[in-house]
Amino acid sequence: MSSIPSAPAYGQILVQPLSAQDASISRSDTYRAPRRIPSLSQGQALEKLGRAIEYVYDSRVYQSASELSQTDLEAVQILMRLSREVFMQCREVAPSQSGIKLWLTRMLADHRAA
């Protein structure tokens, strides 16, 4: 007999809906989410928040083998929201193709202004 609880024993974790701007973006194969590079402190924050999420979830589900309580679910959702907020503050890195287009656009704008 396995010590891991069955699927119905897990609590339901809800993720906040996307903003209207994010929801309007087509999620087709041609869309590529921008890459983000965290600073050292942002990377450490993301790592600690991820571990905190795992700790809350694992400690409640695996130790008590029961469903997560409402307060546990809220704690996980708060940690997930904070993690997304830290991630969204990370510096975006433009893909090379977009970077070239951006560079050319700036060069043309500078040339026209001169």
N, C-alpha and C. Protein backbone atom coordinates (compact mmCIF):
# COMPACT_ATOMS: atom_id res chain seq x y z
N MET A 1 0.84 -1.18 0.00
CA MET A 1 0.00 0.00 0.00
C MET A 1 0.89 1.24 0.00
N SER A 2 0.57 2.18 -0.83
CA SER A 2 1.37 3.39 -0.98
C SER A 2 1.07 4.39 0.13
N SER A 3 2.10 5.10 0.56
CA SER A 3 1.90 6.12 1.59
C SER A 3 1.50 7.46 0.98
N ILE A 4 1.50 7.54 -0.34
CA ILE A 4 1.11 8.78 -1.03
C ILE A 4 -0.41 8.80 -1.15
N PRO A 5 -1.04 9.91 -0.75
CA PRO A 5 -2.49 9.97 -0.82
C PRO A 5 -2.98 9.92 -2.27
N SER A 6 -4.19 9.41 -2.43
CA SER A 6 -4.76 9.33 -3.77
C SER A 6 -5.17 10.72 -4.25
N ALA A 7 -5.47 10.84 -5.52
CA ALA A 7 -5.77 12.13 -6.14
C ALA A 7 -6.91 12.89 -5.46
N PRO A 8 -8.03 12.25 -5.06
CA PRO A 8 -9.10 13.02 -4.45
C PRO A 8 -8.73 13.66 -3.11
N ALA A 9 -7.62 13.21 -2.48
CA ALA A 9 -7.24 13.76 -1.18
C ALA A 9 -6.57 15.13 -1.29
N TYR A 10 -6.17 15.53 -2.49
CA TYR A 10 -5.50 16.81 -2.67
C TYR A 10 -6.51 17.94 -2.65
N GLY A 11 -6.10 19.07 -2.08
CA GLY A 11 -6.93 20.28 -2.12
C GLY A 11 -6.82 20.90 -3.50
N GLN A 12 -7.74 21.75 -3.81
CA GLN A 12 -7.73 22.41 -5.11
C GLN A 12 -7.04 23.75 -4.98
N ILE A 13 -5.99 23.96 -5.76
CA ILE A 13 -5.26 25.22 -5.74
C ILE A 13 -5.69 26.02 -6.96
N LEU A 14 -6.22 27.20 -6.71
CA LEU A 14 -6.68 28.05 -7.79
C LEU A 14 -5.64 29.10 -8.10
N VAL A 15 -5.43 29.35 -9.37
CA VAL A 15 -4.49 30.37 -9.82
C VAL A 15 -5.29 31.58 -10.25
N GLN A 16 -4.80 32.76 -9.88
CA GLN A 16 -5.51 33.99 -10.24
C GLN A 16 -5.61 34.10 -11.75
N PRO A 17 -6.74 34.62 -12.26
CA PRO A 17 -6.90 34.76 -13.71
C PRO A 17 -5.93 35.79 -14.27
N LEU A 18 -5.65 35.65 -15.54
CA LEU A 18 -4.78 36.60 -16.23
C LEU A 18 -5.46 37.96 -16.32
N SER A 19 -4.65 38.99 -16.41
CA SER A 19 -5.21 40.33 -16.61
C SER A 19 -5.81 40.39 -18.01
N ALA A 20 -6.62 41.41 -18.28
CA ALA A 20 -7.27 41.55 -19.58
C ALA A 20 -6.23 41.64 -20.69
N GLN A 21 -5.12 42.33 -20.42
CA GLN A 21 -4.08 42.48 -21.42
C GLN A 21 -3.44 41.13 -21.73
N ASP A 22 -3.11 40.36 -20.69
CA ASP A 22 -2.50 39.06 -20.90
C ASP A 22 -3.47 38.09 -21.58
N ALA A 23 -4.76 38.18 -21.23
CA ALA A 23 -5.75 37.27 -21.80
C ALA A 23 -5.98 37.56 -23.28
N SER A 24 -5.73 38.79 -23.72
CA SER A 24 -5.97 39.15 -25.11
C SER A 24 -4.88 38.62 -26.03
N ILE A 25 -3.74 38.24 -25.47
CA ILE A 25 -2.63 37.74 -26.28
C ILE A 25 -2.98 36.34 -26.78
N SER A 26 -2.83 36.14 -28.06
CA SER A 26 -3.10 34.82 -28.63
C SER A 26 -2.01 33.85 -28.19
N ARG A 27 -2.41 32.70 -27.74
CA ARG A 27 -1.46 31.69 -27.28
C ARG A 27 -1.17 30.68 -28.39
N SER A 28 -1.01 31.17 -29.60
CA SER A 28 -0.75 30.27 -30.72
C SER A 28 0.72 29.85 -30.69
N ASP A 29 1.09 29.00 -31.64
CA ASP A 29 2.47 28.52 -31.72
C ASP A 29 3.43 29.65 -32.06
N THR A 30 2.95 30.70 -32.71
CA THR A 30 3.84 31.79 -33.10
C THR A 30 4.14 32.71 -31.94
N TYR A 31 3.31 32.71 -30.90
CA TYR A 31 3.55 33.58 -29.76
C TYR A 31 4.62 32.96 -28.87
N ARG A 32 5.60 33.77 -28.51
CA ARG A 32 6.63 33.32 -27.59
C ARG A 32 6.68 34.30 -26.43
N ALA A 33 6.50 33.79 -25.25
CA ALA A 33 6.55 34.64 -24.07
C ALA A 33 7.95 35.21 -23.94
N PRO A 34 8.04 36.48 -23.53
CA PRO A 34 9.38 37.06 -23.38
C PRO A 34 10.16 36.36 -22.27
N ARG A 35 11.43 36.19 -22.51
CA ARG A 35 12.30 35.61 -21.49
C ARG A 35 12.58 36.66 -20.44
N ARG A 36 12.76 36.24 -19.24
CA ARG A 36 13.07 37.16 -18.15
C ARG A 36 14.31 36.64 -17.42
N ILE A 37 15.17 37.57 -17.05
CA ILE A 37 16.37 37.22 -16.31
C ILE A 37 16.30 37.89 -14.95
N PRO A 38 16.24 37.09 -13.89
CA PRO A 38 16.17 37.69 -12.55
C PRO A 38 17.54 38.15 -12.07
N SER A 39 17.51 39.18 -11.23
CA SER A 39 18.74 39.58 -10.55
C SER A 39 19.02 38.52 -9.48
N LEU A 40 20.15 38.66 -8.81
CA LEU A 40 20.49 37.69 -7.78
C LEU A 40 19.43 37.65 -6.68
N SER A 41 18.99 38.82 -6.22
CA SER A 41 18.00 38.85 -5.15
C SER A 41 16.64 38.34 -5.63
N GLN A 42 16.27 38.64 -6.88
CA GLN A 42 15.01 38.13 -7.42
C GLN A 42 15.07 36.61 -7.57
N GLY A 43 16.19 36.09 -8.02
CA GLY A 43 16.35 34.64 -8.14
C GLY A 43 16.24 33.94 -6.80
N GLN A 44 16.86 34.54 -5.78
CA GLN A 44 16.77 33.96 -4.44
C GLN A 44 15.35 34.02 -3.91
N ALA A 45 14.65 35.13 -4.19
CA ALA A 45 13.26 35.26 -3.74
C ALA A 45 12.38 34.21 -4.43
N LEU A 46 12.57 34.02 -5.74
CA LEU A 46 11.79 33.02 -6.47
C LEU A 46 12.05 31.62 -5.92
N GLU A 47 13.31 31.33 -5.63
CA GLU A 47 13.65 30.02 -5.08
C GLU A 47 13.01 29.81 -3.71
N LYS A 48 13.08 30.80 -2.85
CA LYS A 48 12.51 30.67 -1.51
C LYS A 48 10.99 30.58 -1.55
N LEU A 49 10.36 31.35 -2.42
CA LEU A 49 8.91 31.27 -2.55
C LEU A 49 8.50 29.89 -3.08
N GLY A 50 9.24 29.37 -4.04
CA GLY A 50 8.94 28.04 -4.57
C GLY A 50 9.06 26.97 -3.49
N ARG A 51 10.10 27.07 -2.69
CA ARG A 51 10.28 26.10 -1.60
C ARG A 51 9.19 26.24 -0.54
N ALA A 52 8.77 27.48 -0.29
CA ALA A 52 7.69 27.69 0.69
C ALA A 52 6.38 27.08 0.19
N ILE A 53 6.10 27.23 -1.10
CA ILE A 53 4.90 26.63 -1.68
C ILE A 53 4.95 25.11 -1.52
N GLU A 54 6.09 24.53 -1.88
CA GLU A 54 6.24 23.08 -1.74
C GLU A 54 6.09 22.64 -0.29
N TYR A 55 6.67 23.40 0.63
CA TYR A 55 6.61 23.04 2.04
C TYR A 55 5.17 23.03 2.55
N VAL A 56 4.44 24.12 2.27
CA VAL A 56 3.05 24.19 2.75
C VAL A 56 2.24 23.05 2.16
N TYR A 57 2.37 22.83 0.87
CA TYR A 57 1.59 21.79 0.21
C TYR A 57 1.98 20.40 0.71
N ASP A 58 3.28 20.12 0.67
CA ASP A 58 3.74 18.78 1.05
C ASP A 58 3.48 18.47 2.52
N SER A 59 3.73 19.45 3.39
CA SER A 59 3.58 19.18 4.82
C SER A 59 2.13 18.89 5.18
N ARG A 60 1.20 19.51 4.50
CA ARG A 60 -0.21 19.28 4.82
C ARG A 60 -0.75 18.02 4.16
N VAL A 61 -0.41 17.81 2.91
CA VAL A 61 -0.98 16.68 2.18
C VAL A 61 -0.33 15.36 2.57
N TYR A 62 1.00 15.31 2.61
CA TYR A 62 1.66 14.03 2.85
C TYR A 62 1.69 13.62 4.32
N GLN A 63 1.76 14.59 5.22
CA GLN A 63 1.82 14.24 6.63
C GLN A 63 0.44 13.87 7.18
N SER A 64 -0.56 14.64 6.81
CA SER A 64 -1.87 14.35 7.37
C SER A 64 -2.72 13.50 6.44
N ALA A 65 -2.25 13.30 5.20
CA ALA A 65 -2.97 12.49 4.21
C ALA A 65 -4.43 12.94 4.08
N SER A 66 -4.63 14.24 4.16
CA SER A 66 -5.98 14.74 3.99
C SER A 66 -5.96 15.94 3.06
N GLU A 67 -7.11 16.44 2.77
CA GLU A 67 -7.24 17.58 1.87
C GLU A 67 -6.71 18.84 2.54
N LEU A 68 -6.19 19.76 1.74
CA LEU A 68 -5.71 21.03 2.27
C LEU A 68 -6.88 21.84 2.82
N SER A 69 -6.65 22.50 3.94
CA SER A 69 -7.69 23.34 4.51
C SER A 69 -7.78 24.64 3.70
N GLN A 70 -8.82 25.40 3.95
CA GLN A 70 -9.00 26.66 3.23
C GLN A 70 -7.84 27.61 3.50
N THR A 71 -7.35 27.65 4.73
CA THR A 71 -6.22 28.54 5.05
C THR A 71 -4.94 28.10 4.36
N ASP A 72 -4.75 26.77 4.24
CA ASP A 72 -3.57 26.27 3.51
C ASP A 72 -3.65 26.66 2.04
N LEU A 73 -4.84 26.52 1.45
CA LEU A 73 -5.01 26.90 0.06
C LEU A 73 -4.75 28.39 -0.15
N GLU A 74 -5.24 29.21 0.77
CA GLU A 74 -5.02 30.65 0.67
C GLU A 74 -3.53 30.97 0.79
N ALA A 75 -2.83 30.28 1.69
CA ALA A 75 -1.40 30.51 1.86
C ALA A 75 -0.64 30.16 0.58
N VAL A 76 -0.98 29.03 -0.04
CA VAL A 76 -0.32 28.63 -1.28
C VAL A 76 -0.63 29.64 -2.38
N GLN A 77 -1.87 30.10 -2.47
CA GLN A 77 -2.24 31.08 -3.50
C GLN A 77 -1.51 32.40 -3.29
N ILE A 78 -1.36 32.84 -2.06
CA ILE A 78 -0.63 34.08 -1.77
C ILE A 78 0.83 33.93 -2.19
N LEU A 79 1.44 32.80 -1.84
CA LEU A 79 2.83 32.56 -2.22
C LEU A 79 3.00 32.50 -3.73
N MET A 80 2.04 31.87 -4.42
CA MET A 80 2.10 31.80 -5.88
C MET A 80 1.96 33.20 -6.49
N ARG A 81 1.06 34.01 -5.94
CA ARG A 81 0.88 35.37 -6.45
C ARG A 81 2.17 36.19 -6.26
N LEU A 82 2.77 36.06 -5.08
CA LEU A 82 4.03 36.77 -4.82
C LEU A 82 5.13 36.31 -5.77
N SER A 83 5.17 35.03 -6.04
CA SER A 83 6.17 34.50 -6.97
C SER A 83 5.97 35.08 -8.37
N ARG A 84 4.72 35.15 -8.82
CA ARG A 84 4.45 35.75 -10.14
C ARG A 84 4.83 37.22 -10.16
N GLU A 85 4.55 37.94 -9.07
CA GLU A 85 4.89 39.36 -9.02
C GLU A 85 6.40 39.58 -9.09
N VAL A 86 7.16 38.75 -8.38
CA VAL A 86 8.62 38.85 -8.45
C VAL A 86 9.08 38.53 -9.87
N PHE A 87 8.52 37.48 -10.47
CA PHE A 87 8.91 37.08 -11.82
C PHE A 87 8.61 38.19 -12.83
N MET A 88 7.45 38.84 -12.69
CA MET A 88 7.08 39.89 -13.64
C MET A 88 7.97 41.13 -13.50
N GLN A 89 8.63 41.29 -12.36
CA GLN A 89 9.54 42.41 -12.17
C GLN A 89 10.94 42.14 -12.73
N CYS A 90 11.18 40.90 -13.12
CA CYS A 90 12.49 40.56 -13.69
C CYS A 90 12.65 41.24 -15.04
N ARG A 91 13.90 41.51 -15.38
CA ARG A 91 14.22 42.19 -16.64
C ARG A 91 13.90 41.26 -17.82
N GLU A 92 13.18 41.82 -18.81
CA GLU A 92 12.86 41.06 -20.02
C GLU A 92 14.05 41.04 -20.95
N VAL A 93 14.23 39.93 -21.62
CA VAL A 93 15.28 39.79 -22.62
C VAL A 93 14.60 39.56 -23.95
N ALA A 94 14.85 40.46 -24.89
CA ALA A 94 14.24 40.33 -26.21
C ALA A 94 14.93 39.22 -26.98
N PRO A 95 14.16 38.39 -27.69
CA PRO A 95 14.78 37.39 -28.55
C PRO A 95 15.64 38.09 -29.60
N SER A 96 16.63 37.41 -30.13
CA SER A 96 17.58 38.04 -31.04
C SER A 96 16.88 38.69 -32.24
N GLN A 97 15.87 38.04 -32.80
CA GLN A 97 15.17 38.61 -33.95
C GLN A 97 14.48 39.91 -33.55
N SER A 98 13.79 39.92 -32.42
CA SER A 98 13.14 41.14 -31.95
C SER A 98 14.16 42.20 -31.60
N GLY A 99 15.29 41.76 -31.06
CA GLY A 99 16.35 42.69 -30.71
C GLY A 99 16.90 43.41 -31.92
N ILE A 100 17.07 42.68 -33.02
CA ILE A 100 17.56 43.29 -34.27
C ILE A 100 16.54 44.28 -34.80
N LYS A 101 15.26 43.91 -34.78
CA LYS A 101 14.21 44.83 -35.24
C LYS A 101 14.18 46.09 -34.38
N LEU A 102 14.30 45.91 -33.07
CA LEU A 102 14.30 47.05 -32.16
C LEU A 102 15.51 47.94 -32.43
N TRP A 103 16.67 47.34 -32.63
CA TRP A 103 17.88 48.11 -32.90
C TRP A 103 17.75 48.88 -34.21
N LEU A 104 17.24 48.23 -35.25
CA LEU A 104 17.06 48.92 -36.54
C LEU A 104 16.06 50.06 -36.42
N THR A 105 14.98 49.84 -35.69
CA THR A 105 13.97 50.89 -35.50
C THR A 105 14.59 52.09 -34.79
N ARG A 106 15.38 51.83 -33.77
CA ARG A 106 16.04 52.93 -33.05
C ARG A 106 17.04 53.65 -33.94
N MET A 107 17.79 52.90 -34.74
CA MET A 107 18.78 53.51 -35.64
C MET A 107 18.08 54.41 -36.66
N LEU A 108 16.98 53.92 -37.23
CA LEU A 108 16.24 54.72 -38.20
C LEU A 108 15.65 55.96 -37.55
N ALA A 109 15.13 55.84 -36.34
CA ALA A 109 14.58 56.99 -35.63
C ALA A 109 15.67 58.02 -35.34
N ASP A 110 16.84 57.55 -34.91
CA ASP A 110 17.96 58.46 -34.65
C ASP A 110 18.43 59.14 -35.92
N HIS A 111 18.47 58.37 -37.01
CA HIS A 111 18.91 58.91 -38.30
C HIS A 111 17.94 59.98 -38.81
N ARG A 112 16.65 59.74 -38.67
CA ARG A 112 15.64 60.71 -39.11
C ARG A 112 15.65 61.96 -38.24
N ALA A 113 15.94 61.79 -36.95
CA ALA A 113 15.96 62.94 -36.02
C ALA A 113 17.17 63.84 -36.29
N ALA A 114 18.23 63.27 -36.83
CA ALA A 114 19.46 64.05 -37.05
C ALA A 114 19.43 64.90 -38.28
